Amino acid sequence: MKVAVTVSLKDGVLDPQGKAVEHALHNLGFANVTEVRVGKVISFDIEATDAAQARSQAGEMGRRLLANTVIERFDVQVQP
């Protein structure tokens, strides 16, 4: 199964990379863009008996390694 874990900073955590991207977009003429947040997507294949098992394992991976749960949140998407 294909799994994608999306990691992003929690609300209220300063995102300097997001601010830099927002500033650059404004300089390019996209003045209507606000509140830019930058994250990451970790994609991988996993052998699992069903989507629930894959989601559970990916969630554990997110908590233990892929995200710093003090300042980041993550979301798991599973495609069979």
N, C-alpha and C. Protein backbone atom coordinates (compact mmCIF):
# COMPACT_ATOMS: atom_id res chain seq x y z
N MET A 1 0.83 -1.18 0.00
CA MET A 1 0.00 0.00 0.00
C MET A 1 0.88 1.24 0.00
N LYS A 2 0.41 2.27 -0.65
CA LYS A 2 1.10 3.56 -0.68
C LYS A 2 0.66 4.38 0.52
N VAL A 3 1.62 4.97 1.21
CA VAL A 3 1.34 5.79 2.38
C VAL A 3 2.02 7.14 2.21
N ALA A 4 1.32 8.20 2.60
CA ALA A 4 1.90 9.54 2.62
C ALA A 4 1.65 10.13 4.00
N VAL A 5 2.72 10.54 4.66
CA VAL A 5 2.61 11.19 5.97
C VAL A 5 2.97 12.66 5.75
N THR A 6 2.01 13.54 5.99
CA THR A 6 2.22 14.98 5.84
C THR A 6 2.50 15.58 7.21
N VAL A 7 3.64 16.24 7.34
CA VAL A 7 4.07 16.83 8.61
C VAL A 7 4.07 18.35 8.45
N SER A 8 3.48 19.04 9.41
CA SER A 8 3.47 20.50 9.39
C SER A 8 3.56 21.03 10.81
N LEU A 9 3.98 22.28 10.92
CA LEU A 9 4.08 22.90 12.24
C LEU A 9 2.68 23.13 12.81
N LYS A 10 2.57 22.99 14.12
CA LYS A 10 1.30 23.27 14.78
C LYS A 10 1.00 24.76 14.71
N ASP A 11 -0.29 25.09 14.81
CA ASP A 11 -0.68 26.50 14.86
C ASP A 11 0.01 27.17 16.03
N GLY A 12 0.45 28.39 15.83
CA GLY A 12 1.11 29.14 16.88
C GLY A 12 2.62 28.98 16.91
N VAL A 13 3.15 28.00 16.17
CA VAL A 13 4.60 27.81 16.11
C VAL A 13 5.13 28.64 14.95
N LEU A 14 6.14 29.45 15.22
CA LEU A 14 6.73 30.31 14.20
C LEU A 14 7.26 29.48 13.04
N ASP A 15 6.95 29.92 11.81
CA ASP A 15 7.39 29.22 10.60
C ASP A 15 8.21 30.19 9.74
N PRO A 16 9.51 30.33 10.02
CA PRO A 16 10.32 31.29 9.26
C PRO A 16 10.40 30.95 7.77
N GLN A 17 10.40 29.68 7.44
CA GLN A 17 10.43 29.30 6.03
C GLN A 17 9.13 29.72 5.33
N GLY A 18 8.01 29.54 6.00
CA GLY A 18 6.74 29.98 5.46
C GLY A 18 6.70 31.49 5.26
N LYS A 19 7.24 32.25 6.22
CA LYS A 19 7.29 33.71 6.09
C LYS A 19 8.17 34.12 4.91
N ALA A 20 9.29 33.42 4.70
CA ALA A 20 10.17 33.73 3.58
C ALA A 20 9.46 33.46 2.25
N VAL A 21 8.73 32.36 2.16
CA VAL A 21 8.00 32.05 0.94
C VAL A 21 6.90 33.09 0.71
N GLU A 22 6.19 33.45 1.78
CA GLU A 22 5.14 34.47 1.66
C GLU A 22 5.72 35.78 1.14
N HIS A 23 6.84 36.20 1.70
CA HIS A 23 7.49 37.44 1.27
C HIS A 23 7.90 37.36 -0.21
N ALA A 24 8.46 36.24 -0.62
CA ALA A 24 8.86 36.05 -2.01
C ALA A 24 7.65 36.09 -2.94
N LEU A 25 6.56 35.47 -2.53
CA LEU A 25 5.34 35.49 -3.35
C LEU A 25 4.81 36.92 -3.50
N HIS A 26 4.87 37.69 -2.42
CA HIS A 26 4.44 39.09 -2.50
C HIS A 26 5.32 39.85 -3.48
N ASN A 27 6.63 39.60 -3.43
CA ASN A 27 7.55 40.26 -4.36
C ASN A 27 7.29 39.88 -5.81
N LEU A 28 6.71 38.71 -6.03
CA LEU A 28 6.39 38.26 -7.39
C LEU A 28 5.01 38.74 -7.85
N GLY A 29 4.35 39.52 -6.99
CA GLY A 29 3.05 40.07 -7.38
C GLY A 29 1.85 39.34 -6.84
N PHE A 30 2.06 38.36 -6.00
CA PHE A 30 0.94 37.60 -5.41
C PHE A 30 0.62 38.16 -4.02
N ALA A 31 0.19 39.40 -3.98
CA ALA A 31 -0.04 40.11 -2.71
C ALA A 31 -1.21 39.55 -1.93
N ASN A 32 -2.07 38.78 -2.57
CA ASN A 32 -3.25 38.24 -1.88
C ASN A 32 -2.96 36.96 -1.10
N VAL A 33 -1.73 36.49 -1.09
CA VAL A 33 -1.35 35.27 -0.36
C VAL A 33 -0.98 35.63 1.07
N THR A 34 -1.56 34.91 2.04
CA THR A 34 -1.25 35.15 3.45
C THR A 34 -1.13 33.82 4.19
N GLU A 35 -0.54 33.89 5.36
CA GLU A 35 -0.46 32.74 6.28
C GLU A 35 0.17 31.50 5.64
N VAL A 36 1.28 31.68 4.95
CA VAL A 36 1.97 30.56 4.30
C VAL A 36 2.64 29.69 5.36
N ARG A 37 2.43 28.39 5.28
CA ARG A 37 3.06 27.42 6.16
C ARG A 37 3.75 26.39 5.27
N VAL A 38 4.96 26.01 5.62
CA VAL A 38 5.72 25.03 4.85
C VAL A 38 5.81 23.74 5.67
N GLY A 39 5.60 22.62 5.00
CA GLY A 39 5.67 21.33 5.66
C GLY A 39 6.44 20.35 4.79
N LYS A 40 6.26 19.08 5.09
CA LYS A 40 6.93 18.05 4.30
C LYS A 40 6.01 16.84 4.17
N VAL A 41 6.23 16.09 3.09
CA VAL A 41 5.48 14.86 2.86
C VAL A 41 6.48 13.73 2.75
N ILE A 42 6.28 12.69 3.56
CA ILE A 42 7.11 11.49 3.49
C ILE A 42 6.25 10.39 2.87
N SER A 43 6.67 9.87 1.72
CA SER A 43 5.91 8.84 1.00
C SER A 43 6.67 7.53 1.02
N PHE A 44 5.94 6.44 1.19
CA PHE A 44 6.57 5.12 1.17
C PHE A 44 5.52 4.05 0.91
N ASP A 45 6.01 2.87 0.54
CA ASP A 45 5.17 1.69 0.39
C ASP A 45 5.28 0.89 1.66
N ILE A 46 4.19 0.24 2.06
CA ILE A 46 4.20 -0.60 3.24
C ILE A 46 3.38 -1.86 2.96
N GLU A 47 3.89 -2.98 3.41
CA GLU A 47 3.14 -4.23 3.29
C GLU A 47 2.26 -4.36 4.52
N ALA A 48 0.96 -4.42 4.28
CA ALA A 48 0.00 -4.54 5.38
C ALA A 48 -1.20 -5.35 4.89
N THR A 49 -1.91 -5.96 5.82
CA THR A 49 -3.06 -6.78 5.45
C THR A 49 -4.25 -5.94 5.04
N ASP A 50 -4.35 -4.70 5.57
CA ASP A 50 -5.44 -3.80 5.20
C ASP A 50 -5.04 -2.36 5.48
N ALA A 51 -5.89 -1.42 5.03
CA ALA A 51 -5.59 0.00 5.18
C ALA A 51 -5.51 0.41 6.65
N ALA A 52 -6.31 -0.18 7.50
CA ALA A 52 -6.29 0.18 8.92
C ALA A 52 -4.95 -0.17 9.55
N GLN A 53 -4.40 -1.33 9.21
CA GLN A 53 -3.10 -1.73 9.74
C GLN A 53 -2.01 -0.79 9.23
N ALA A 54 -2.06 -0.46 7.93
CA ALA A 54 -1.08 0.46 7.36
C ALA A 54 -1.16 1.82 8.02
N ARG A 55 -2.38 2.33 8.25
CA ARG A 55 -2.58 3.63 8.90
C ARG A 55 -2.05 3.60 10.33
N SER A 56 -2.30 2.52 11.03
CA SER A 56 -1.83 2.38 12.41
C SER A 56 -0.31 2.39 12.47
N GLN A 57 0.33 1.62 11.60
CA GLN A 57 1.79 1.58 11.58
C GLN A 57 2.39 2.93 11.19
N ALA A 58 1.80 3.58 10.19
CA ALA A 58 2.30 4.88 9.76
C ALA A 58 2.10 5.92 10.87
N GLY A 59 1.02 5.82 11.61
CA GLY A 59 0.80 6.72 12.74
C GLY A 59 1.86 6.55 13.81
N GLU A 60 2.22 5.31 14.07
CA GLU A 60 3.29 5.04 15.04
C GLU A 60 4.62 5.60 14.54
N MET A 61 4.88 5.44 13.24
CA MET A 61 6.10 6.01 12.65
C MET A 61 6.11 7.53 12.80
N GLY A 62 4.96 8.15 12.57
CA GLY A 62 4.85 9.59 12.71
C GLY A 62 5.16 10.05 14.13
N ARG A 63 4.58 9.36 15.11
CA ARG A 63 4.80 9.72 16.51
C ARG A 63 6.23 9.47 16.96
N ARG A 64 6.84 8.39 16.49
CA ARG A 64 8.15 8.00 17.00
C ARG A 64 9.33 8.59 16.23
N LEU A 65 9.14 8.95 14.95
CA LEU A 65 10.28 9.37 14.15
C LEU A 65 10.00 10.53 13.21
N LEU A 66 8.92 10.48 12.46
CA LEU A 66 8.73 11.39 11.34
C LEU A 66 8.35 12.81 11.74
N ALA A 67 7.72 12.97 12.90
CA ALA A 67 7.31 14.30 13.35
C ALA A 67 7.81 14.55 14.77
N ASN A 68 8.15 15.79 15.04
CA ASN A 68 8.45 16.23 16.40
C ASN A 68 7.11 16.67 16.98
N THR A 69 6.44 15.79 17.71
CA THR A 69 5.06 16.03 18.12
C THR A 69 4.92 17.17 19.13
N VAL A 70 6.02 17.71 19.62
CA VAL A 70 5.94 18.88 20.49
C VAL A 70 5.54 20.11 19.67
N ILE A 71 6.10 20.23 18.46
CA ILE A 71 5.83 21.41 17.65
C ILE A 71 5.18 21.10 16.29
N GLU A 72 5.06 19.81 15.94
CA GLU A 72 4.51 19.44 14.64
C GLU A 72 3.31 18.52 14.80
N ARG A 73 2.46 18.57 13.80
CA ARG A 73 1.35 17.61 13.70
C ARG A 73 1.55 16.84 12.40
N PHE A 74 0.88 15.70 12.30
CA PHE A 74 1.01 14.93 11.07
C PHE A 74 -0.32 14.29 10.71
N ASP A 75 -0.46 13.99 9.42
CA ASP A 75 -1.66 13.36 8.90
C ASP A 75 -1.22 12.19 8.04
N VAL A 76 -1.93 11.08 8.13
CA VAL A 76 -1.58 9.87 7.38
C VAL A 76 -2.65 9.63 6.32
N GLN A 77 -2.21 9.43 5.07
CA GLN A 77 -3.08 9.05 3.97
C GLN A 77 -2.62 7.70 3.44
N VAL A 78 -3.56 6.77 3.26
CA VAL A 78 -3.24 5.43 2.76
C VAL A 78 -4.02 5.18 1.49
N GLN A 79 -3.30 4.71 0.45
CA GLN A 79 -3.93 4.30 -0.80
C GLN A 79 -3.66 2.83 -1.00
N PRO A 80 -4.71 2.04 -1.22
CA PRO A 80 -4.49 0.60 -1.42
C PRO A 80 -3.75 0.29 -2.71
